[in-house]
Amino acid sequence: QVQLVESGGGLVQAGGSLRLSCAASGSIFSINIMGWYRQAPGKQRELVATIGSGGGRNYADSVKGRFTISRDNAKNTVFLQMNSLKPEDTAVYYCNLQTWGARKYDYWGQGTQVTVSS
């Protein structure tokens, strides 16, 4: 079993920055993708950014140029640096881990609230 523990959410003014962290523990196969998704009230959960175990990155168009995803493979930790935050970035941010062994495994963190005030 894998556990994901997120930290770093909070309240920030528009134009400010926050850094989210997510530490994974448990049975994690070497081939994996870690990422962040978010869900605003009344909306579906959406992709924010992902990073593969080989370092490949993928971003939602709405965050390109403002958010940066990175990871520390030795610590199984993924980070999301969020700059130039906008009120529309307000959401619960969820950490996600996809990993492949005999089959695909998909894990989620508990979520951390990010609120951007105008």
PDB file of N, CA and C in Angstrom:
ATOM      1  N   GLN A   1       0.847  -1.186   0.000  1.00  0.00           N
ATOM      2  CA  GLN A   1       0.000   0.000   0.000  1.00  0.00           C
ATOM      3  C   GLN A   1       0.889   1.244   0.000  1.00  0.00           C
ATOM      4  N   VAL A   2       0.394   2.295  -0.632  1.00  0.00           N
ATOM      5  CA  VAL A   2       1.124   3.556  -0.729  1.00  0.00           C
ATOM      6  C   VAL A   2       0.339   4.645  -0.022  1.00  0.00           C
ATOM      7  N   GLN A   3       1.044   5.488   0.702  1.00  0.00           N
ATOM      8  CA  GLN A   3       0.430   6.651   1.336  1.00  0.00           C
ATOM      9  C   GLN A   3       1.055   7.920   0.772  1.00  0.00           C
ATOM     10  N   LEU A   4       0.225   8.915   0.526  1.00  0.00           N
ATOM     11  CA  LEU A   4       0.663  10.211   0.037  1.00  0.00           C
ATOM     12  C   LEU A   4       0.284  11.261   1.070  1.00  0.00           C
ATOM     13  N   VAL A   5       1.268  12.029   1.509  1.00  0.00           N
ATOM     14  CA  VAL A   5       1.035  13.067   2.508  1.00  0.00           C
ATOM     15  C   VAL A   5       1.400  14.416   1.912  1.00  0.00           C
ATOM     16  N   GLU A   6       0.397  15.288   1.798  1.00  0.00           N
ATOM     17  CA  GLU A   6       0.574  16.599   1.184  1.00  0.00           C
ATOM     18  C   GLU A   6       0.768  17.673   2.251  1.00  0.00           C
ATOM     19  N   SER A   7       1.431  18.738   1.866  1.00  0.00           N
ATOM     20  CA  SER A   7       1.581  19.899   2.736  1.00  0.00           C
ATOM     21  C   SER A   7       1.818  21.128   1.870  1.00  0.00           C
ATOM     22  N   GLY A   8       1.599  22.302   2.462  1.00  0.00           N
ATOM     23  CA  GLY A   8       1.961  23.542   1.794  1.00  0.00           C
ATOM     24  C   GLY A   8       0.814  24.397   1.310  1.00  0.00           C
ATOM     25  N   GLY A   9      -0.407  23.940   1.433  1.00  0.00           N
ATOM     26  CA  GLY A   9      -1.528  24.774   1.004  1.00  0.00           C
ATOM     27  C   GLY A   9      -1.737  25.940   1.949  1.00  0.00           C
ATOM     28  N   GLY A  10      -2.666  26.824   1.578  1.00  0.00           N
ATOM     29  CA  GLY A  10      -2.957  27.964   2.427  1.00  0.00           C
ATOM     30  C   GLY A  10      -3.652  29.073   1.682  1.00  0.00           C
ATOM     31  N   LEU A  11      -3.657  30.240   2.316  1.00  0.00           N
ATOM     32  CA  LEU A  11      -4.299  31.431   1.763  1.00  0.00           C
ATOM     33  C   LEU A  11      -3.225  32.406   1.312  1.00  0.00           C
ATOM     34  N   VAL A  12      -3.374  32.912   0.100  1.00  0.00           N
ATOM     35  CA  VAL A  12      -2.398  33.847  -0.434  1.00  0.00           C
ATOM     36  C   VAL A  12      -3.123  34.874  -1.293  1.00  0.00           C
ATOM     37  N   GLN A  13      -2.555  36.061  -1.391  1.00  0.00           N
ATOM     38  CA  GLN A  13      -3.143  37.081  -2.254  1.00  0.00           C
ATOM     39  C   GLN A  13      -2.773  36.824  -3.708  1.00  0.00           C
ATOM     40  N   ALA A  14      -3.590  37.342  -4.593  1.00  0.00           N
ATOM     41  CA  ALA A  14      -3.301  37.219  -6.011  1.00  0.00           C
ATOM     42  C   ALA A  14      -1.913  37.791  -6.317  1.00  0.00           C
ATOM     43  N   GLY A  15      -1.176  37.057  -7.155  1.00  0.00           N
ATOM     44  CA  GLY A  15       0.185  37.443  -7.477  1.00  0.00           C
ATOM     45  C   GLY A  15       1.229  36.806  -6.577  1.00  0.00           C
ATOM     46  N   GLY A  16       0.768  36.172  -5.515  1.00  0.00           N
ATOM     47  CA  GLY A  16       1.676  35.537  -4.571  1.00  0.00           C
ATOM     48  C   GLY A  16       2.092  34.147  -5.001  1.00  0.00           C
ATOM     49  N   SER A  17       2.822  33.482  -4.110  1.00  0.00           N
ATOM     50  CA  SER A  17       3.362  32.159  -4.405  1.00  0.00           C
ATOM     51  C   SER A  17       3.085  31.197  -3.258  1.00  0.00           C
ATOM     52  N   LEU A  18       2.997  29.935  -3.619  1.00  0.00           N
ATOM     53  CA  LEU A  18       2.917  28.846  -2.650  1.00  0.00           C
ATOM     54  C   LEU A  18       3.688  27.660  -3.203  1.00  0.00           C
ATOM     55  N   ARG A  19       4.156  26.813  -2.306  1.00  0.00           N
ATOM     56  CA  ARG A  19       4.852  25.596  -2.713  1.00  0.00           C
ATOM     57  C   ARG A  19       4.195  24.404  -2.024  1.00  0.00           C
ATOM     58  N   LEU A  20       3.712  23.477  -2.837  1.00  0.00           N
ATOM     59  CA  LEU A  20       3.111  22.262  -2.323  1.00  0.00           C
ATOM     60  C   LEU A  20       4.130  21.133  -2.346  1.00  0.00           C
ATOM     61  N   SER A  21       4.038  20.261  -1.347  1.00  0.00           N
ATOM     62  CA  SER A  21       4.888  19.072  -1.283  1.00  0.00           C
ATOM     63  C   SER A  21       4.020  17.844  -1.076  1.00  0.00           C
ATOM     64  N   CYS A  22       4.478  16.725  -1.593  1.00  0.00           N
ATOM     65  CA  CYS A  22       3.776  15.462  -1.410  1.00  0.00           C
ATOM     66  C   CYS A  22       4.805  14.357  -1.277  1.00  0.00           C
ATOM     67  N   ALA A  23       4.797  13.703  -0.124  1.00  0.00           N
ATOM     68  CA  ALA A  23       5.738  12.619   0.133  1.00  0.00           C
ATOM     69  C   ALA A  23       5.006  11.284   0.038  1.00  0.00           C
ATOM     70  N   ALA A  24       5.569  10.387  -0.750  1.00  0.00           N
ATOM     71  CA  ALA A  24       4.989   9.063  -0.928  1.00  0.00           C
ATOM     72  C   ALA A  24       5.780   8.030  -0.135  1.00  0.00           C
ATOM     73  N   SER A  25       5.070   7.111   0.477  1.00  0.00           N
ATOM     74  CA  SER A  25       5.719   6.017   1.205  1.00  0.00           C
ATOM     75  C   SER A  25       4.997   4.716   0.888  1.00  0.00           C
ATOM     76  N   GLY A  26       5.746   3.605   0.997  1.00  0.00           N
ATOM     77  CA  GLY A  26       5.161   2.303   0.709  1.00  0.00           C
ATOM     78  C   GLY A  26       5.823   1.656  -0.492  1.00  0.00           C
ATOM     79  N   SER A  27       5.096   0.765  -1.130  1.00  0.00           N
ATOM     80  CA  SER A  27       5.635  -0.005  -2.256  1.00  0.00           C
ATOM     81  C   SER A  27       5.450   0.778  -3.548  1.00  0.00           C
ATOM     82  N   ILE A  28       6.525   1.426  -3.968  1.00  0.00           N
ATOM     83  CA  ILE A  28       6.487   2.247  -5.174  1.00  0.00           C
ATOM     84  C   ILE A  28       7.422   1.638  -6.192  1.00  0.00           C
ATOM     85  N   PHE A  29       6.885   1.280  -7.342  1.00  0.00           N
ATOM     86  CA  PHE A  29       7.719   0.722  -8.386  1.00  0.00           C
ATOM     87  C   PHE A  29       8.525   1.828  -9.060  1.00  0.00           C
ATOM     88  N   SER A  30       9.623   1.423  -9.669  1.00  0.00           N
ATOM     89  CA  SER A  30      10.549   2.413 -10.221  1.00  0.00           C
ATOM     90  C   SER A  30       9.929   3.217 -11.359  1.00  0.00           C
ATOM     91  N   ILE A  31       9.007   2.599 -12.097  1.00  0.00           N
ATOM     92  CA  ILE A  31       8.335   3.326 -13.175  1.00  0.00           C
ATOM     93  C   ILE A  31       7.073   3.946 -12.598  1.00  0.00           C
ATOM     94  N   ASN A  32       7.045   5.256 -12.542  1.00  0.00           N
ATOM     95  CA  ASN A  32       5.885   5.914 -11.954  1.00  0.00           C
ATOM     96  C   ASN A  32       5.749   7.339 -12.459  1.00  0.00           C
ATOM     97  N   ILE A  33       4.592   7.883 -12.266  1.00  0.00           N
ATOM     98  CA  ILE A  33       4.300   9.274 -12.571  1.00  0.00           C
ATOM     99  C   ILE A  33       3.689   9.887 -11.325  1.00  0.00           C
ATOM    100  N   MET A  34       4.233  11.010 -10.889  1.00  0.00           N
ATOM    101  CA  MET A  34       3.661  11.753  -9.773  1.00  0.00           C
ATOM    102  C   MET A  34       3.098  13.058 -10.309  1.00  0.00           C
ATOM    103  N   GLY A  35       2.048  13.530  -9.685  1.00  0.00           N
ATOM    104  CA  GLY A  35       1.447  14.743 -10.207  1.00  0.00           C
ATOM    105  C   GLY A  35       0.486  15.405  -9.250  1.00  0.00           C
ATOM    106  N   TRP A  36      -0.048  16.505  -9.724  1.00  0.00           N
ATOM    107  CA  TRP A  36      -1.023  17.288  -8.975  1.00  0.00           C
ATOM    108  C   TRP A  36      -2.264  17.517  -9.832  1.00  0.00           C
ATOM    109  N   TYR A  37      -3.393  17.358  -9.184  1.00  0.00           N
ATOM    110  CA  TYR A  37      -4.688  17.654  -9.779  1.00  0.00           C
ATOM    111  C   TYR A  37      -5.392  18.621  -8.836  1.00  0.00           C
ATOM    112  N   ARG A  38      -6.408  19.295  -9.337  1.00  0.00           N
ATOM    113  CA  ARG A  38      -7.156  20.204  -8.467  1.00  0.00           C
ATOM    114  C   ARG A  38      -8.635  20.138  -8.777  1.00  0.00           C
ATOM    115  N   GLN A  39      -9.415  20.489  -7.755  1.00  0.00           N
ATOM    116  CA  GLN A  39     -10.860  20.496  -7.913  1.00  0.00           C
ATOM    117  C   GLN A  39     -11.421  21.716  -7.215  1.00  0.00           C
ATOM    118  N   ALA A  40     -12.020  22.579  -8.003  1.00  0.00           N
ATOM    119  CA  ALA A  40     -12.683  23.767  -7.475  1.00  0.00           C
ATOM    120  C   ALA A  40     -14.145  23.425  -7.176  1.00  0.00           C
ATOM    121  N   PRO A  41     -14.786  24.186  -6.306  1.00  0.00           N
ATOM    122  CA  PRO A  41     -16.189  23.908  -5.974  1.00  0.00           C
ATOM    123  C   PRO A  41     -17.074  23.886  -7.216  1.00  0.00           C
ATOM    124  N   GLY A  42     -17.865  22.833  -7.350  1.00  0.00           N
ATOM    125  CA  GLY A  42     -18.778  22.726  -8.470  1.00  0.00           C
ATOM    126  C   GLY A  42     -18.147  22.321  -9.780  1.00  0.00           C
ATOM    127  N   LYS A  43     -16.844  22.009  -9.760  1.00  0.00           N
ATOM    128  CA  LYS A  43     -16.148  21.639 -10.990  1.00  0.00           C
ATOM    129  C   LYS A  43     -15.538  20.254 -10.860  1.00  0.00           C
ATOM    130  N   GLN A  44     -15.196  19.676 -12.006  1.00  0.00           N
ATOM    131  CA  GLN A  44     -14.550  18.372 -12.009  1.00  0.00           C
ATOM    132  C   GLN A  44     -13.070  18.509 -11.656  1.00  0.00           C
ATOM    133  N   ARG A  45     -12.520  17.431 -11.159  1.00  0.00           N
ATOM    134  CA  ARG A  45     -11.086  17.414 -10.878  1.00  0.00           C
ATOM    135  C   ARG A  45     -10.333  17.505 -12.207  1.00  0.00           C
ATOM    136  N   GLU A  46      -9.275  18.327 -12.235  1.00  0.00           N
ATOM    137  CA  GLU A  46      -8.521  18.526 -13.460  1.00  0.00           C
ATOM    138  C   GLU A  46      -7.032  18.398 -13.205  1.00  0.00           C
ATOM    139  N   LEU A  47      -6.334  18.027 -14.270  1.00  0.00           N
ATOM    140  CA  LEU A  47      -4.886  17.909 -14.215  1.00  0.00           C
ATOM    141  C   LEU A  47      -4.256  19.285 -14.046  1.00  0.00           C
ATOM    142  N   VAL A  48      -3.254  19.369 -13.177  1.00  0.00           N
ATOM    143  CA  VAL A  48      -2.438  20.575 -13.066  1.00  0.00           C
ATOM    144  C   VAL A  48      -1.075  20.321 -13.707  1.00  0.00           C
ATOM    145  N   ALA A  49      -0.377  19.303 -13.220  1.00  0.00           N
ATOM    146  CA  ALA A  49       0.948  18.982 -13.744  1.00  0.00           C
ATOM    147  C   ALA A  49       1.350  17.584 -13.320  1.00  0.00           C
ATOM    148  N   THR A  50       2.146  16.927 -14.159  1.00  0.00           N
ATOM    149  CA  THR A  50       2.691  15.619 -13.810  1.00  0.00           C
ATOM    150  C   THR A  50       4.169  15.577 -14.158  1.00  0.00           C
ATOM    151  N   ILE A  51       4.884  14.671 -13.490  1.00  0.00           N
ATOM    152  CA  ILE A  51       6.298  14.465 -13.775  1.00  0.00           C
ATOM    153  C   ILE A  51       6.588  12.977 -13.641  1.00  0.00           C
ATOM    154  N   GLY A  52       7.227  12.428 -14.654  1.00  0.00           N
ATOM    155  CA  GLY A  52       7.552  11.018 -14.659  1.00  0.00           C
ATOM    156  C   GLY A  52       8.835  10.707 -13.913  1.00  0.00           C
ATOM    157  N   SER A  53       9.034   9.432 -13.648  1.00  0.00           N
ATOM    158  CA  SER A  53      10.247   9.026 -12.941  1.00  0.00           C
ATOM    159  C   SER A  53      11.503   9.345 -13.754  1.00  0.00           C
ATOM    160  N   GLY A  54      11.327   9.510 -15.080  1.00  0.00           N
ATOM    161  CA  GLY A  54      12.445   9.891 -15.916  1.00  0.00           C
ATOM    162  C   GLY A  54      12.605  11.388 -16.062  1.00  0.00           C
ATOM    163  N   GLY A  55      11.675  12.148 -15.490  1.00  0.00           N
ATOM    164  CA  GLY A  55      11.787  13.598 -15.494  1.00  0.00           C
ATOM    165  C   GLY A  55      10.886  14.325 -16.481  1.00  0.00           C
ATOM    166  N   GLY A  56      10.163  13.575 -17.326  1.00  0.00           N
ATOM    167  CA  GLY A  56       9.285  14.235 -18.280  1.00  0.00           C
ATOM    168  C   GLY A  56       8.139  14.948 -17.581  1.00  0.00           C
ATOM    169  N   ARG A  57       7.847  16.163 -18.022  1.00  0.00           N
ATOM    170  CA  ARG A  57       6.835  17.003 -17.376  1.00  0.00           C
ATOM    171  C   ARG A  57       5.673  17.302 -18.312  1.00  0.00           C
ATOM    172  N   ASN A  58       4.509  17.482 -17.723  1.00  0.00           N
ATOM    173  CA  ASN A  58       3.310  17.846 -18.466  1.00  0.00           C
ATOM    174  C   ASN A  58       2.534  18.851 -17.628  1.00  0.00           C
ATOM    175  N   TYR A  59       2.077  19.937 -18.273  1.00  0.00           N
ATOM    176  CA  TYR A  59       1.348  20.984 -17.559  1.00  0.00           C
ATOM    177  C   TYR A  59       0.024  21.281 -18.238  1.00  0.00           C
ATOM    178  N   ALA A  60      -0.954  21.657 -17.442  1.00  0.00           N
ATOM    179  CA  ALA A  60      -2.179  22.203 -17.989  1.00  0.00           C
ATOM    180  C   ALA A  60      -1.857  23.569 -18.602  1.00  0.00           C
ATOM    181  N   ASP A  61      -2.541  23.904 -19.689  1.00  0.00           N
ATOM    182  CA  ASP A  61      -2.278  25.185 -20.350  1.00  0.00           C
ATOM    183  C   ASP A  61      -2.477  26.358 -19.391  1.00  0.00           C
ATOM    184  N   SER A  62      -3.413  26.228 -18.476  1.00  0.00           N
ATOM    185  CA  SER A  62      -3.754  27.341 -17.588  1.00  0.00           C
ATOM    186  C   SER A  62      -2.654  27.668 -16.581  1.00  0.00           C
ATOM    187  N   VAL A  63      -1.695  26.767 -16.396  1.00  0.00           N
ATOM    188  CA  VAL A  63      -0.638  27.010 -15.405  1.00  0.00           C
ATOM    189  C   VAL A  63       0.752  27.113 -16.023  1.00  0.00           C
ATOM    190  N   LYS A  64       0.850  26.885 -17.316  1.00  0.00           N
ATOM    191  CA  LYS A  64       2.162  26.953 -17.971  1.00  0.00           C
ATOM    192  C   LYS A  64       2.777  28.325 -17.776  1.00  0.00           C
ATOM    193  N   GLY A  65       4.067  28.330 -17.423  1.00  0.00           N
ATOM    194  CA  GLY A  65       4.775  29.569 -17.204  1.00  0.00           C
ATOM    195  C   GLY A  65       4.627  30.118 -15.794  1.00  0.00           C
ATOM    196  N   ARG A  66       3.696  29.567 -15.021  1.00  0.00           N
ATOM    197  CA  ARG A  66       3.497  30.049 -13.647  1.00  0.00           C
ATOM    198  C   ARG A  66       3.821  28.967 -12.611  1.00  0.00           C
ATOM    199  N   PHE A  67       3.524  27.725 -12.934  1.00  0.00           N
ATOM    200  CA  PHE A  67       3.753  26.615 -12.006  1.00  0.00           C
ATOM    201  C   PHE A  67       4.923  25.767 -12.504  1.00  0.00           C
ATOM    202  N   THR A  68       5.669  25.212 -11.549  1.00  0.00           N
ATOM    203  CA  THR A  68       6.767  24.307 -11.881  1.00  0.00           C
ATOM    204  C   THR A  68       6.681  23.069 -11.010  1.00  0.00           C
ATOM    205  N   ILE A  69       6.676  21.906 -11.647  1.00  0.00           N
ATOM    206  CA  ILE A  69       6.663  20.647 -10.913  1.00  0.00           C
ATOM    207  C   ILE A  69       8.068  20.058 -10.895  1.00  0.00           C
ATOM    208  N   SER A  70       8.449  19.493  -9.769  1.00  0.00           N
ATOM    209  CA  SER A  70       9.751  18.850  -9.645  1.00  0.00           C
ATOM    210  C   SER A  70       9.616  17.676  -8.680  1.00  0.00           C
ATOM    211  N   ARG A  71      10.652  16.860  -8.614  1.00  0.00           N
ATOM    212  CA  ARG A  71      10.592  15.704  -7.717  1.00  0.00           C
ATOM    213  C   ARG A  71      11.972  15.348  -7.199  1.00  0.00           C
ATOM    214  N   ASP A  72      11.965  14.719  -6.042  1.00  0.00           N
ATOM    215  CA  ASP A  72      13.168  14.169  -5.443  1.00  0.00           C
ATOM    216  C   ASP A  72      12.968  12.661  -5.404  1.00  0.00           C
ATOM    217  N   ASN A  73      13.567  11.959  -6.343  1.00  0.00           N
ATOM    218  CA  ASN A  73      13.331  10.523  -6.440  1.00  0.00           C
ATOM    219  C   ASN A  73      13.838   9.762  -5.220  1.00  0.00           C
ATOM    220  N   ALA A  74      14.911  10.246  -4.633  1.00  0.00           N
ATOM    221  CA  ALA A  74      15.463   9.560  -3.463  1.00  0.00           C
ATOM    222  C   ALA A  74      14.488   9.582  -2.291  1.00  0.00           C
ATOM    223  N   LYS A  75      13.664  10.632  -2.246  1.00  0.00           N
ATOM    224  CA  LYS A  75      12.718  10.778  -1.138  1.00  0.00           C
ATOM    225  C   LYS A  75      11.277  10.529  -1.571  1.00  0.00           C
ATOM    226  N   ASN A  76      11.094  10.121  -2.839  1.00  0.00           N
ATOM    227  CA  ASN A  76       9.732   9.892  -3.363  1.00  0.00           C
ATOM    228  C   ASN A  76       8.817  11.067  -3.054  1.00  0.00           C
ATOM    229  N   THR A  77       9.316  12.251  -3.319  1.00  0.00           N
ATOM    230  CA  THR A  77       8.576  13.476  -3.022  1.00  0.00           C
ATOM    231  C   THR A  77       8.425  14.306  -4.284  1.00  0.00           C
ATOM    232  N   VAL A  78       7.242  14.864  -4.459  1.00  0.00           N
ATOM    233  CA  VAL A  78       6.981  15.739  -5.588  1.00  0.00           C
ATOM    234  C   VAL A  78       6.606  17.120  -5.058  1.00  0.00           C
ATOM    235  N   PHE A  79       7.026  18.141  -5.783  1.00  0.00           N
ATOM    236  CA  PHE A  79       6.789  19.522  -5.375  1.00  0.00           C
ATOM    237  C   PHE A  79       6.034  20.250  -6.493  1.00  0.00           C
ATOM    238  N   LEU A  80       5.266  21.245  -6.097  1.00  0.00           N
ATOM    239  CA  LEU A  80       4.616  22.127  -7.059  1.00  0.00           C
ATOM    240  C   LEU A  80       4.853  23.566  -6.604  1.00  0.00           C
ATOM    241  N   GLN A  81       5.711  24.262  -7.319  1.00  0.00           N
ATOM    242  CA  GLN A  81       5.947  25.679  -7.050  1.00  0.00           C
ATOM    243  C   GLN A  81       4.938  26.478  -7.851  1.00  0.00           C
ATOM    244  N   MET A  82       4.120  27.246  -7.163  1.00  0.00           N
ATOM    245  CA  MET A  82       3.058  28.008  -7.809  1.00  0.00           C
ATOM    246  C   MET A  82       3.351  29.494  -7.641  1.00  0.00           C
ATOM    247  N   ASN A  83       3.602  30.160  -8.747  1.00  0.00           N
ATOM    248  CA  ASN A  83       3.878  31.597  -8.747  1.00  0.00           C
ATOM    249  C   ASN A  83       2.776  32.339  -9.491  1.00  0.00           C
ATOM    250  N   SER A  84       2.722  33.634  -9.286  1.00  0.00           N
ATOM    251  CA  SER A  84       1.732  34.481  -9.962  1.00  0.00           C
ATOM    252  C   SER A  84       0.332  33.886  -9.830  1.00  0.00           C
ATOM    253  N   LEU A  85      -0.013  33.532  -8.634  1.00  0.00           N
ATOM    254  CA  LEU A  85      -1.299  32.873  -8.393  1.00  0.00           C
ATOM    255  C   LEU A  85      -2.460  33.811  -8.692  1.00  0.00           C
ATOM    256  N   LYS A  86      -3.532  33.205  -9.206  1.00  0.00           N
ATOM    257  CA  LYS A  86      -4.743  33.934  -9.563  1.00  0.00           C
ATOM    258  C   LYS A  86      -5.921  33.389  -8.750  1.00  0.00           C
ATOM    259  N   PRO A  87      -6.960  34.193  -8.568  1.00  0.00           N
ATOM    260  CA  PRO A  87      -8.135  33.689  -7.833  1.00  0.00           C
ATOM    261  C   PRO A  87      -8.695  32.400  -8.435  1.00  0.00           C
ATOM    262  N   GLU A  88      -8.581  32.244  -9.749  1.00  0.00           N
ATOM    263  CA  GLU A  88      -9.108  31.033 -10.391  1.00  0.00           C
ATOM    264  C   GLU A  88      -8.257  29.797 -10.109  1.00  0.00           C
ATOM    265  N   ASP A  89      -7.130  29.967  -9.437  1.00  0.00           N
ATOM    266  CA  ASP A  89      -6.336  28.816  -8.998  1.00  0.00           C
ATOM    267  C   ASP A  89      -6.865  28.233  -7.689  1.00  0.00           C
ATOM    268  N   THR A  90      -7.826  28.911  -7.086  1.00  0.00           N
ATOM    269  CA  THR A  90      -8.404  28.427  -5.835  1.00  0.00           C
ATOM    270  C   THR A  90      -9.060  27.071  -6.033  1.00  0.00           C
ATOM    271  N   ALA A  91      -8.635  26.100  -5.215  1.00  0.00           N
ATOM    272  CA  ALA A  91      -9.143  24.731  -5.350  1.00  0.00           C
ATOM    273  C   ALA A  91      -8.517  23.870  -4.262  1.00  0.00           C
ATOM    274  N   VAL A  92      -9.026  22.667  -4.147  1.00  0.00           N
ATOM    275  CA  VAL A  92      -8.335  21.643  -3.362  1.00  0.00           C
ATOM    276  C   VAL A  92      -7.367  20.944  -4.305  1.00  0.00           C
ATOM    277  N   TYR A  93      -6.113  20.897  -3.933  1.00  0.00           N
ATOM    278  CA  TYR A  93      -5.079  20.287  -4.750  1.00  0.00           C
ATOM    279  C   TYR A  93      -4.774  18.881  -4.212  1.00  0.00           C
ATOM    280  N   TYR A  94      -4.794  17.920  -5.122  1.00  0.00           N
ATOM    281  CA  TYR A  94      -4.584  16.524  -4.762  1.00  0.00           C
ATOM    282  C   TYR A  94      -3.296  16.003  -5.390  1.00  0.00           C
ATOM    283  N   CYS A  95      -2.527  15.318  -4.599  1.00  0.00           N
ATOM    284  CA  CYS A  95      -1.340  14.633  -5.091  1.00  0.00           C
ATOM    285  C   CYS A  95      -1.760  13.272  -5.652  1.00  0.00           C
ATOM    286  N   ASN A  96      -1.122  12.868  -6.730  1.00  0.00           N
ATOM    287  CA  ASN A  96      -1.437  11.592  -7.369  1.00  0.00           C
ATOM    288  C   ASN A  96      -0.169  10.830  -7.706  1.00  0.00           C
ATOM    289  N   LEU A  97      -0.225   9.528  -7.532  1.00  0.00           N
ATOM    290  CA  LEU A  97       0.894   8.654  -7.925  1.00  0.00           C
ATOM    291  C   LEU A  97       0.336   7.514  -8.768  1.00  0.00           C
ATOM    292  N   GLN A  98       0.874   7.362  -9.946  1.00  0.00           N
ATOM    293  CA  GLN A  98       0.562   6.215 -10.792  1.00  0.00           C
ATOM    294  C   GLN A  98       1.835   5.387 -10.900  1.00  0.00           C
ATOM    295  N   THR A  99       1.692   4.088 -10.676  1.00  0.00           N
ATOM    296  CA  THR A  99       2.867   3.237 -10.732  1.00  0.00           C
ATOM    297  C   THR A  99       2.472   1.894 -11.325  1.00  0.00           C
ATOM    298  N   TRP A 100       3.442   1.249 -11.964  1.00  0.00           N
ATOM    299  CA  TRP A 100       3.164   0.030 -12.704  1.00  0.00           C
ATOM    300  C   TRP A 100       4.001  -1.131 -12.170  1.00  0.00           C
ATOM    301  N   GLY A 101       3.298  -2.181 -11.719  1.00  0.00           N
ATOM    302  CA  GLY A 101       3.931  -3.430 -11.354  1.00  0.00           C
ATOM    303  C   GLY A 101       3.337  -4.498 -12.236  1.00  0.00           C
ATOM    304  N   ALA A 102       2.641  -5.448 -11.642  1.00  0.00           N
ATOM    305  CA  ALA A 102       1.903  -6.448 -12.419  1.00  0.00           C
ATOM    306  C   ALA A 102       0.727  -5.783 -13.132  1.00  0.00           C
ATOM    307  N   ARG A 103       0.262  -4.685 -12.577  1.00  0.00           N
ATOM    308  CA  ARG A 103      -0.813  -3.888 -13.167  1.00  0.00           C
ATOM    309  C   ARG A 103      -0.568  -2.436 -12.781  1.00  0.00           C
ATOM    310  N   LYS A 104      -1.436  -1.551 -13.247  1.00  0.00           N
ATOM    311  CA  LYS A 104      -1.325  -0.143 -12.876  1.00  0.00           C
ATOM    312  C   LYS A 104      -1.963   0.078 -11.502  1.00  0.00           C
ATOM    313  N   TYR A 105      -1.276   0.867 -10.686  1.00  0.00           N
ATOM    314  CA  TYR A 105      -1.807   1.274  -9.401  1.00  0.00           C
ATOM    315  C   TYR A 105      -1.947   2.795  -9.410  1.00  0.00           C
ATOM    316  N   ASP A 106      -3.015   3.290  -8.801  1.00  0.00           N
ATOM    317  CA  ASP A 106      -3.337   4.707  -8.815  1.00  0.00           C
ATOM    318  C   ASP A 106      -3.661   5.136  -7.387  1.00  0.00           C
ATOM    319  N   TYR A 107      -2.896   6.087  -6.849  1.00  0.00           N
ATOM    320  CA  TYR A 107      -3.088   6.511  -5.466  1.00  0.00           C
ATOM    321  C   TYR A 107      -3.319   8.022  -5.403  1.00  0.00           C
ATOM    322  N   TRP A 108      -4.087   8.442  -4.381  1.00  0.00           N
ATOM    323  CA  TRP A 108      -4.412   9.857  -4.186  1.00  0.00           C
ATOM    324  C   TRP A 108      -4.117  10.285  -2.758  1.00  0.00           C
ATOM    325  N   GLY A 109      -3.680  11.533  -2.614  1.00  0.00           N
ATOM    326  CA  GLY A 109      -3.549  12.129  -1.309  1.00  0.00           C
ATOM    327  C   GLY A 109      -4.889  12.637  -0.818  1.00  0.00           C
ATOM    328  N   GLN A 110      -4.885  13.195   0.390  1.00  0.00           N
ATOM    329  CA  GLN A 110      -6.137  13.648   1.008  1.00  0.00           C
ATOM    330  C   GLN A 110      -6.562  15.024   0.514  1.00  0.00           C
ATOM    331  N   GLY A 111      -5.661  15.734  -0.142  1.00  0.00           N
ATOM    332  CA  GLY A 111      -5.973  17.060  -0.658  1.00  0.00           C
ATOM    333  C   GLY A 111      -5.536  18.170   0.283  1.00  0.00           C
ATOM    334  N   THR A 112      -5.142  19.279  -0.299  1.00  0.00           N
ATOM    335  CA  THR A 112      -4.772  20.459   0.478  1.00  0.00           C
ATOM    336  C   THR A 112      -5.406  21.684  -0.177  1.00  0.00           C
ATOM    337  N   GLN A 113      -5.978  22.543   0.648  1.00  0.00           N
ATOM    338  CA  GLN A 113      -6.717  23.697   0.133  1.00  0.00           C
ATOM    339  C   GLN A 113      -5.758  24.824  -0.238  1.00  0.00           C
ATOM    340  N   VAL A 114      -5.958  25.357  -1.413  1.00  0.00           N
ATOM    341  CA  VAL A 114      -5.259  26.573  -1.854  1.00  0.00           C
ATOM    342  C   VAL A 114      -6.319  27.623  -2.148  1.00  0.00           C
ATOM    343  N   THR A 115      -6.211  28.755  -1.473  1.00  0.00           N
ATOM    344  CA  THR A 115      -7.166  29.845  -1.667  1.00  0.00           C
ATOM    345  C   THR A 115      -6.399  31.098  -2.051  1.00  0.00           C
ATOM    346  N   VAL A 116      -6.776  31.682  -3.186  1.00  0.00           N
ATOM    347  CA  VAL A 116      -6.130  32.888  -3.674  1.00  0.00           C
ATOM    348  C   VAL A 116      -7.151  34.015  -3.627  1.00  0.00           C
ATOM    349  N   SER A 117      -6.861  35.034  -2.844  1.00  0.00           N
ATOM    350  CA  SER A 117      -7.783  36.162  -2.713  1.00  0.00           C
ATOM    351  C   SER A 117      -7.437  37.257  -3.708  1.00  0.00           C
ATOM    352  N   SER A 118      -8.454  37.945  -4.146  1.00  0.00           N
ATOM    353  CA  SER A 118      -8.249  39.014  -5.148  1.00  0.00           C
ATOM    354  C   SER A 118      -7.971  40.348  -4.489  1.00  0.00           C
TER     355      SER A 118
END
